[in-house]
Amino acid sequence: MGHGASLLRLIRRAAVALAVSGVAGAAEAAVVARVDLSSQRMTVTVNGVPSYSWPVSTARRGYVTPTGTYRPQRMYRSYFSRKYYNSPMPYSIFFRGGYAIHGSTAISQLGSPASHGCIRLHPGNAATLYALVQAHGPGDTVILITY
């Protein structure tokens, strides 16, 4: 095996170690929102109890939804995108720069990649998640995005 294969193996091991450490940190949070990019689903655990499972839309081809472990940075009950045509983003929970979990009126697309990188939810589900994060606090909330 060449050096490239060894390096790739090392990178994979490091990625697995980071993912495991992210999950361990997530287990300690009161609210854990896990987003599975492969299945286009979000599962929400509250105080260690699986409580919700919702379809989402994440990045469509040509765009990226970042993977990793995050905490909410900013929250807005009513927000409009400055980048994408003043699109409504109700119940926005920003977790990395301009990336957010938010409600969407494109309900028929939920369950399929369709966004510019944000994580879209049904507006009712976005309101539920928003209320949970408000009740428990951003510091006791983890957003875990994986494949």
N, C-alpha and C. Protein backbone atom coordinates (compact mmCIF):
# COMPACT_ATOMS: atom_id res chain seq x y z
N MET A 1 0.83 -1.17 0.00
CA MET A 1 0.00 0.00 0.00
C MET A 1 0.87 1.24 0.00
N GLY A 2 0.46 2.23 -0.77
CA GLY A 2 1.23 3.46 -0.84
C GLY A 2 0.91 4.39 0.31
N HIS A 3 1.63 5.52 0.32
CA HIS A 3 1.43 6.50 1.38
C HIS A 3 0.03 7.11 1.32
N GLY A 4 -0.53 7.23 0.11
CA GLY A 4 -1.87 7.80 -0.04
C GLY A 4 -2.92 6.96 0.66
N ALA A 5 -2.83 5.63 0.52
CA ALA A 5 -3.79 4.73 1.16
C ALA A 5 -3.65 4.80 2.68
N SER A 6 -2.41 4.87 3.17
CA SER A 6 -2.18 4.96 4.61
C SER A 6 -2.73 6.27 5.16
N LEU A 7 -2.52 7.35 4.44
CA LEU A 7 -3.03 8.65 4.86
C LEU A 7 -4.55 8.64 4.88
N LEU A 8 -5.16 8.06 3.87
CA LEU A 8 -6.61 7.98 3.81
C LEU A 8 -7.15 7.18 4.99
N ARG A 9 -6.50 6.07 5.33
CA ARG A 9 -6.91 5.25 6.46
C ARG A 9 -6.81 6.05 7.77
N LEU A 10 -5.75 6.82 7.92
CA LEU A 10 -5.55 7.64 9.10
C LEU A 10 -6.63 8.71 9.20
N ILE A 11 -6.96 9.32 8.08
CA ILE A 11 -8.00 10.35 8.06
C ILE A 11 -9.35 9.74 8.46
N ARG A 12 -9.65 8.57 7.94
CA ARG A 12 -10.92 7.90 8.29
C ARG A 12 -10.98 7.60 9.78
N ARG A 13 -9.88 7.12 10.35
CA ARG A 13 -9.86 6.83 11.79
C ARG A 13 -10.09 8.10 12.60
N ALA A 14 -9.46 9.19 12.18
CA ALA A 14 -9.63 10.46 12.89
C ALA A 14 -11.08 10.94 12.79
N ALA A 15 -11.68 10.77 11.62
CA ALA A 15 -13.08 11.17 11.44
C ALA A 15 -14.00 10.36 12.34
N VAL A 16 -13.76 9.07 12.44
CA VAL A 16 -14.56 8.22 13.32
C VAL A 16 -14.37 8.64 14.78
N ALA A 17 -13.15 8.93 15.17
CA ALA A 17 -12.88 9.35 16.55
C ALA A 17 -13.60 10.66 16.85
N LEU A 18 -13.58 11.60 15.91
CA LEU A 18 -14.28 12.87 16.11
C LEU A 18 -15.78 12.64 16.20
N ALA A 19 -16.32 11.79 15.35
CA ALA A 19 -17.75 11.52 15.37
C ALA A 19 -18.16 10.90 16.71
N VAL A 20 -17.36 9.98 17.20
CA VAL A 20 -17.66 9.34 18.48
C VAL A 20 -17.59 10.36 19.61
N SER A 21 -16.60 11.23 19.59
CA SER A 21 -16.50 12.24 20.65
C SER A 21 -17.66 13.21 20.56
N GLY A 22 -18.12 13.52 19.34
CA GLY A 22 -19.28 14.39 19.18
C GLY A 22 -20.53 13.76 19.74
N VAL A 23 -20.70 12.47 19.52
CA VAL A 23 -21.86 11.76 20.04
C VAL A 23 -21.80 11.73 21.56
N ALA A 24 -20.63 11.52 22.13
CA ALA A 24 -20.49 11.49 23.58
C ALA A 24 -20.89 12.83 24.18
N GLY A 25 -20.47 13.94 23.56
CA GLY A 25 -20.85 15.26 24.03
C GLY A 25 -22.34 15.49 23.88
N ALA A 26 -22.90 14.96 22.81
CA ALA A 26 -24.32 15.10 22.55
C ALA A 26 -25.14 14.40 23.61
N ALA A 27 -24.65 13.28 24.11
CA ALA A 27 -25.40 12.51 25.10
C ALA A 27 -25.62 13.30 26.39
N GLU A 28 -24.77 14.28 26.65
CA GLU A 28 -24.88 15.05 27.88
C GLU A 28 -25.85 16.22 27.75
N ALA A 29 -26.25 16.61 26.55
CA ALA A 29 -27.13 17.75 26.34
C ALA A 29 -28.58 17.36 26.60
N ALA A 30 -29.38 18.33 27.05
CA ALA A 30 -30.81 18.09 27.28
C ALA A 30 -31.55 17.88 25.97
N VAL A 31 -31.19 18.67 24.96
CA VAL A 31 -31.83 18.56 23.64
C VAL A 31 -30.75 18.19 22.63
N VAL A 32 -30.97 17.09 21.92
CA VAL A 32 -30.05 16.66 20.87
C VAL A 32 -30.85 16.51 19.59
N ALA A 33 -30.50 17.32 18.59
CA ALA A 33 -31.12 17.23 17.27
C ALA A 33 -30.12 16.56 16.34
N ARG A 34 -30.40 15.32 15.95
CA ARG A 34 -29.52 14.57 15.05
C ARG A 34 -30.09 14.64 13.64
N VAL A 35 -29.28 15.10 12.71
CA VAL A 35 -29.69 15.19 11.31
C VAL A 35 -28.89 14.17 10.53
N ASP A 36 -29.59 13.25 9.88
CA ASP A 36 -28.96 12.22 9.05
C ASP A 36 -29.14 12.65 7.59
N LEU A 37 -28.04 13.08 6.98
CA LEU A 37 -28.11 13.57 5.60
C LEU A 37 -28.50 12.46 4.62
N SER A 38 -28.12 11.23 4.92
CA SER A 38 -28.45 10.11 4.02
C SER A 38 -29.94 9.83 3.98
N SER A 39 -30.59 9.85 5.14
CA SER A 39 -32.02 9.54 5.20
C SER A 39 -32.90 10.79 5.14
N GLN A 40 -32.27 11.99 5.24
CA GLN A 40 -33.02 13.25 5.25
C GLN A 40 -34.04 13.25 6.39
N ARG A 41 -33.55 12.88 7.59
CA ARG A 41 -34.40 12.87 8.79
C ARG A 41 -33.67 13.53 9.95
N MET A 42 -34.47 14.15 10.80
CA MET A 42 -33.98 14.68 12.07
C MET A 42 -34.67 13.91 13.19
N THR A 43 -33.88 13.43 14.13
CA THR A 43 -34.45 12.84 15.33
C THR A 43 -34.05 13.73 16.50
N VAL A 44 -35.00 13.97 17.38
CA VAL A 44 -34.76 14.85 18.52
C VAL A 44 -34.93 14.05 19.80
N THR A 45 -33.90 14.12 20.63
CA THR A 45 -33.92 13.47 21.93
C THR A 45 -34.00 14.56 22.99
N VAL A 46 -34.91 14.39 23.95
CA VAL A 46 -35.06 15.36 25.03
C VAL A 46 -34.81 14.64 26.35
N ASN A 47 -33.81 15.11 27.08
CA ASN A 47 -33.41 14.48 28.34
C ASN A 47 -33.19 12.98 28.19
N GLY A 48 -32.55 12.60 27.10
CA GLY A 48 -32.20 11.21 26.86
C GLY A 48 -33.31 10.35 26.28
N VAL A 49 -34.49 10.93 26.07
CA VAL A 49 -35.63 10.18 25.55
C VAL A 49 -35.88 10.56 24.09
N PRO A 50 -35.83 9.59 23.17
CA PRO A 50 -36.18 9.89 21.77
C PRO A 50 -37.61 10.42 21.72
N SER A 51 -37.78 11.64 21.21
CA SER A 51 -39.08 12.30 21.29
C SER A 51 -39.71 12.63 19.96
N TYR A 52 -38.90 12.92 18.94
CA TYR A 52 -39.43 13.32 17.64
C TYR A 52 -38.57 12.74 16.52
N SER A 53 -39.21 12.51 15.38
CA SER A 53 -38.50 12.12 14.16
C SER A 53 -39.23 12.78 13.00
N TRP A 54 -38.52 13.65 12.29
CA TRP A 54 -39.15 14.46 11.25
C TRP A 54 -38.36 14.38 9.93
N PRO A 55 -39.05 14.47 8.79
CA PRO A 55 -38.34 14.61 7.53
C PRO A 55 -37.75 16.02 7.42
N VAL A 56 -36.61 16.12 6.78
CA VAL A 56 -35.96 17.41 6.54
C VAL A 56 -35.55 17.50 5.08
N SER A 57 -35.19 18.69 4.67
CA SER A 57 -34.51 18.89 3.39
C SER A 57 -33.19 19.57 3.70
N THR A 58 -32.11 18.98 3.21
CA THR A 58 -30.79 19.57 3.37
C THR A 58 -30.28 19.94 1.97
N ALA A 59 -28.99 20.20 1.86
CA ALA A 59 -28.42 20.74 0.62
C ALA A 59 -28.68 19.88 -0.61
N ARG A 60 -29.15 20.55 -1.65
CA ARG A 60 -29.31 19.88 -2.94
C ARG A 60 -27.97 19.87 -3.65
N ARG A 61 -27.93 19.18 -4.79
CA ARG A 61 -26.69 19.07 -5.57
C ARG A 61 -26.10 20.46 -5.85
N GLY A 62 -24.81 20.58 -5.63
CA GLY A 62 -24.13 21.84 -5.86
C GLY A 62 -23.98 22.69 -4.60
N TYR A 63 -24.62 22.27 -3.51
CA TYR A 63 -24.55 22.98 -2.23
C TYR A 63 -24.14 21.98 -1.15
N VAL A 64 -23.82 22.50 0.03
CA VAL A 64 -23.34 21.65 1.12
C VAL A 64 -24.06 22.00 2.42
N THR A 65 -24.46 20.99 3.14
CA THR A 65 -24.86 21.14 4.54
C THR A 65 -23.67 20.62 5.35
N PRO A 66 -23.08 21.46 6.20
CA PRO A 66 -21.88 21.03 6.92
C PRO A 66 -22.18 19.92 7.93
N THR A 67 -21.29 18.94 7.99
CA THR A 67 -21.41 17.90 9.01
C THR A 67 -20.64 18.34 10.25
N GLY A 68 -20.98 17.75 11.37
CA GLY A 68 -20.27 18.05 12.60
C GLY A 68 -21.23 18.19 13.77
N THR A 69 -20.66 18.61 14.89
CA THR A 69 -21.42 18.82 16.12
C THR A 69 -21.41 20.30 16.44
N TYR A 70 -22.59 20.86 16.65
CA TYR A 70 -22.74 22.31 16.83
C TYR A 70 -23.65 22.62 18.00
N ARG A 71 -23.57 23.85 18.45
CA ARG A 71 -24.54 24.40 19.40
C ARG A 71 -25.22 25.58 18.71
N PRO A 72 -26.47 25.85 19.07
CA PRO A 72 -27.14 27.02 18.48
C PRO A 72 -26.35 28.30 18.79
N GLN A 73 -26.20 29.15 17.78
CA GLN A 73 -25.48 30.42 17.95
C GLN A 73 -26.44 31.60 18.06
N ARG A 74 -27.47 31.60 17.21
CA ARG A 74 -28.46 32.69 17.18
C ARG A 74 -29.81 32.07 16.88
N MET A 75 -30.86 32.70 17.40
CA MET A 75 -32.22 32.21 17.14
C MET A 75 -33.14 33.39 16.82
N TYR A 76 -34.00 33.18 15.82
CA TYR A 76 -34.98 34.20 15.43
C TYR A 76 -36.31 33.52 15.13
N ARG A 77 -37.35 33.96 15.81
CA ARG A 77 -38.67 33.39 15.53
C ARG A 77 -39.10 33.72 14.10
N SER A 78 -38.81 34.93 13.67
CA SER A 78 -39.13 35.36 12.31
C SER A 78 -37.86 35.91 11.67
N TYR A 79 -37.46 35.32 10.56
CA TYR A 79 -36.22 35.73 9.89
C TYR A 79 -36.43 35.61 8.39
N PHE A 80 -35.78 36.50 7.64
CA PHE A 80 -35.85 36.46 6.18
C PHE A 80 -34.43 36.45 5.64
N SER A 81 -34.17 35.55 4.71
CA SER A 81 -32.83 35.37 4.16
C SER A 81 -32.36 36.64 3.46
N ARG A 82 -31.17 37.07 3.79
CA ARG A 82 -30.56 38.21 3.10
C ARG A 82 -29.87 37.75 1.82
N LYS A 83 -29.57 36.47 1.74
CA LYS A 83 -28.82 35.94 0.60
C LYS A 83 -29.73 35.37 -0.49
N TYR A 84 -30.85 34.79 -0.08
CA TYR A 84 -31.71 34.08 -1.03
C TYR A 84 -33.10 34.71 -1.13
N TYR A 85 -33.17 35.84 -1.78
CA TYR A 85 -34.44 36.44 -2.23
C TYR A 85 -35.41 36.77 -1.11
N ASN A 86 -34.89 37.12 0.05
CA ASN A 86 -35.74 37.49 1.18
C ASN A 86 -36.69 36.36 1.59
N SER A 87 -36.26 35.11 1.34
CA SER A 87 -37.10 33.94 1.65
C SER A 87 -37.37 33.86 3.15
N PRO A 88 -38.61 33.54 3.51
CA PRO A 88 -38.93 33.40 4.94
C PRO A 88 -38.25 32.18 5.53
N MET A 89 -37.73 32.35 6.73
CA MET A 89 -37.06 31.27 7.47
C MET A 89 -37.59 31.28 8.91
N PRO A 90 -38.86 30.90 9.10
CA PRO A 90 -39.43 30.96 10.45
C PRO A 90 -38.74 30.00 11.41
N TYR A 91 -38.68 30.41 12.65
CA TYR A 91 -38.10 29.59 13.72
C TYR A 91 -36.66 29.18 13.39
N SER A 92 -35.86 30.16 13.01
CA SER A 92 -34.47 29.90 12.62
C SER A 92 -33.58 29.67 13.84
N ILE A 93 -32.80 28.60 13.75
CA ILE A 93 -31.77 28.29 14.74
C ILE A 93 -30.46 28.20 13.97
N PHE A 94 -29.66 29.27 14.03
CA PHE A 94 -28.39 29.30 13.31
C PHE A 94 -27.35 28.54 14.12
N PHE A 95 -26.62 27.66 13.44
CA PHE A 95 -25.65 26.82 14.14
C PHE A 95 -24.22 26.98 13.63
N ARG A 96 -24.05 27.55 12.44
CA ARG A 96 -22.70 27.78 11.90
C ARG A 96 -22.81 28.88 10.84
N GLY A 97 -22.36 30.07 11.18
CA GLY A 97 -22.43 31.18 10.24
C GLY A 97 -23.85 31.37 9.73
N GLY A 98 -24.01 31.29 8.39
CA GLY A 98 -25.32 31.47 7.78
C GLY A 98 -26.16 30.20 7.69
N TYR A 99 -25.67 29.10 8.21
CA TYR A 99 -26.42 27.83 8.17
C TYR A 99 -27.39 27.77 9.35
N ALA A 100 -28.63 27.37 9.05
CA ALA A 100 -29.65 27.32 10.09
C ALA A 100 -30.58 26.13 9.89
N ILE A 101 -31.23 25.76 10.98
CA ILE A 101 -32.40 24.89 10.93
C ILE A 101 -33.58 25.85 10.95
N HIS A 102 -34.53 25.68 10.03
CA HIS A 102 -35.67 26.60 10.00
C HIS A 102 -36.87 25.97 9.33
N GLY A 103 -38.02 26.58 9.55
CA GLY A 103 -39.24 26.15 8.89
C GLY A 103 -39.21 26.50 7.42
N SER A 104 -40.01 25.76 6.64
CA SER A 104 -40.07 25.98 5.20
C SER A 104 -41.49 25.72 4.70
N THR A 105 -41.90 26.53 3.74
CA THR A 105 -43.21 26.29 3.12
C THR A 105 -43.11 25.27 2.00
N ALA A 106 -41.91 24.85 1.64
CA ALA A 106 -41.71 23.84 0.59
C ALA A 106 -41.89 22.44 1.21
N ILE A 107 -43.07 22.22 1.75
CA ILE A 107 -43.35 20.99 2.50
C ILE A 107 -43.23 19.75 1.63
N SER A 108 -43.63 19.85 0.37
CA SER A 108 -43.60 18.68 -0.51
C SER A 108 -42.17 18.19 -0.77
N GLN A 109 -41.17 19.04 -0.53
CA GLN A 109 -39.78 18.64 -0.76
C GLN A 109 -39.13 18.01 0.46
N LEU A 110 -39.79 18.06 1.61
CA LEU A 110 -39.21 17.48 2.82
C LEU A 110 -38.98 15.99 2.62
N GLY A 111 -37.82 15.53 3.06
CA GLY A 111 -37.43 14.14 2.84
C GLY A 111 -36.48 13.98 1.67
N SER A 112 -36.25 15.09 0.94
CA SER A 112 -35.34 15.08 -0.21
C SER A 112 -34.42 16.30 -0.13
N PRO A 113 -33.18 16.18 -0.61
CA PRO A 113 -32.29 17.34 -0.65
C PRO A 113 -32.88 18.44 -1.52
N ALA A 114 -32.97 19.66 -1.00
CA ALA A 114 -33.60 20.73 -1.77
C ALA A 114 -33.09 22.12 -1.41
N SER A 115 -32.28 22.25 -0.36
CA SER A 115 -31.92 23.58 0.14
C SER A 115 -30.57 24.05 -0.41
N HIS A 116 -30.23 25.28 -0.02
CA HIS A 116 -28.92 25.84 -0.34
C HIS A 116 -27.90 25.47 0.73
N GLY A 117 -28.28 24.63 1.69
CA GLY A 117 -27.37 24.20 2.75
C GLY A 117 -28.01 24.19 4.12
N CYS A 118 -29.07 24.97 4.29
CA CYS A 118 -29.79 24.96 5.56
C CYS A 118 -30.54 23.65 5.72
N ILE A 119 -31.05 23.45 6.92
CA ILE A 119 -31.85 22.27 7.24
C ILE A 119 -33.29 22.73 7.37
N ARG A 120 -34.11 22.35 6.41
CA ARG A 120 -35.51 22.76 6.38
C ARG A 120 -36.39 21.75 7.10
N LEU A 121 -37.36 22.29 7.83
CA LEU A 121 -38.36 21.49 8.54
C LEU A 121 -39.76 22.00 8.21
N HIS A 122 -40.77 21.18 8.45
CA HIS A 122 -42.15 21.65 8.41
C HIS A 122 -42.25 22.78 9.45
N PRO A 123 -42.97 23.86 9.16
CA PRO A 123 -43.03 24.98 10.11
C PRO A 123 -43.49 24.58 11.52
N GLY A 124 -44.43 23.65 11.62
CA GLY A 124 -44.87 23.20 12.94
C GLY A 124 -43.77 22.49 13.71
N ASN A 125 -42.99 21.68 13.00
CA ASN A 125 -41.87 20.97 13.63
C ASN A 125 -40.76 21.94 14.00
N ALA A 126 -40.54 22.94 13.14
CA ALA A 126 -39.53 23.96 13.44
C ALA A 126 -39.93 24.73 14.70
N ALA A 127 -41.22 25.02 14.86
CA ALA A 127 -41.70 25.72 16.05
C ALA A 127 -41.49 24.87 17.30
N THR A 128 -41.73 23.56 17.18
CA THR A 128 -41.52 22.65 18.31
C THR A 128 -40.05 22.63 18.73
N LEU A 129 -39.15 22.48 17.75
CA LEU A 129 -37.72 22.46 18.05
C LEU A 129 -37.28 23.79 18.65
N TYR A 130 -37.74 24.89 18.08
CA TYR A 130 -37.40 26.22 18.57
C TYR A 130 -37.80 26.37 20.04
N ALA A 131 -39.02 25.93 20.37
CA ALA A 131 -39.51 26.01 21.75
C ALA A 131 -38.67 25.15 22.70
N LEU A 132 -38.26 23.97 22.24
CA LEU A 132 -37.40 23.11 23.06
C LEU A 132 -36.06 23.77 23.35
N VAL A 133 -35.46 24.36 22.31
CA VAL A 133 -34.16 25.02 22.49
C VAL A 133 -34.31 26.22 23.41
N GLN A 134 -35.39 26.97 23.25
CA GLN A 134 -35.63 28.11 24.15
C GLN A 134 -35.80 27.64 25.59
N ALA A 135 -36.55 26.57 25.79
CA ALA A 135 -36.84 26.09 27.14
C ALA A 135 -35.59 25.55 27.84
N HIS A 136 -34.76 24.83 27.11
CA HIS A 136 -33.57 24.20 27.71
C HIS A 136 -32.32 25.06 27.57
N GLY A 137 -32.33 25.97 26.61
CA GLY A 137 -31.20 26.86 26.40
C GLY A 137 -30.24 26.35 25.33
N PRO A 138 -29.67 27.27 24.55
CA PRO A 138 -28.70 26.89 23.52
C PRO A 138 -27.49 26.15 24.08
N GLY A 139 -27.09 26.47 25.30
CA GLY A 139 -25.93 25.82 25.91
C GLY A 139 -26.19 24.38 26.30
N ASP A 140 -27.46 23.99 26.35
CA ASP A 140 -27.82 22.61 26.70
C ASP A 140 -28.46 21.91 25.50
N THR A 141 -28.10 22.40 24.31
CA THR A 141 -28.61 21.85 23.05
C THR A 141 -27.44 21.52 22.14
N VAL A 142 -27.52 20.38 21.48
CA VAL A 142 -26.50 19.97 20.51
C VAL A 142 -27.19 19.63 19.20
N ILE A 143 -26.59 20.07 18.11
CA ILE A 143 -27.03 19.73 16.75
C ILE A 143 -25.93 18.86 16.16
N LEU A 144 -26.27 17.63 15.82
CA LEU A 144 -25.30 16.67 15.30
C LEU A 144 -25.71 16.30 13.88
N ILE A 145 -24.85 16.62 12.91
CA ILE A 145 -25.16 16.39 11.50
C ILE A 145 -24.17 15.37 10.95
N THR A 146 -24.70 14.25 10.46
CA THR A 146 -23.87 13.15 9.96
C THR A 146 -24.46 12.58 8.68
N TYR A 147 -23.69 11.69 8.04
CA TYR A 147 -24.19 10.92 6.90
C TYR A 147 -24.67 9.59 7.38
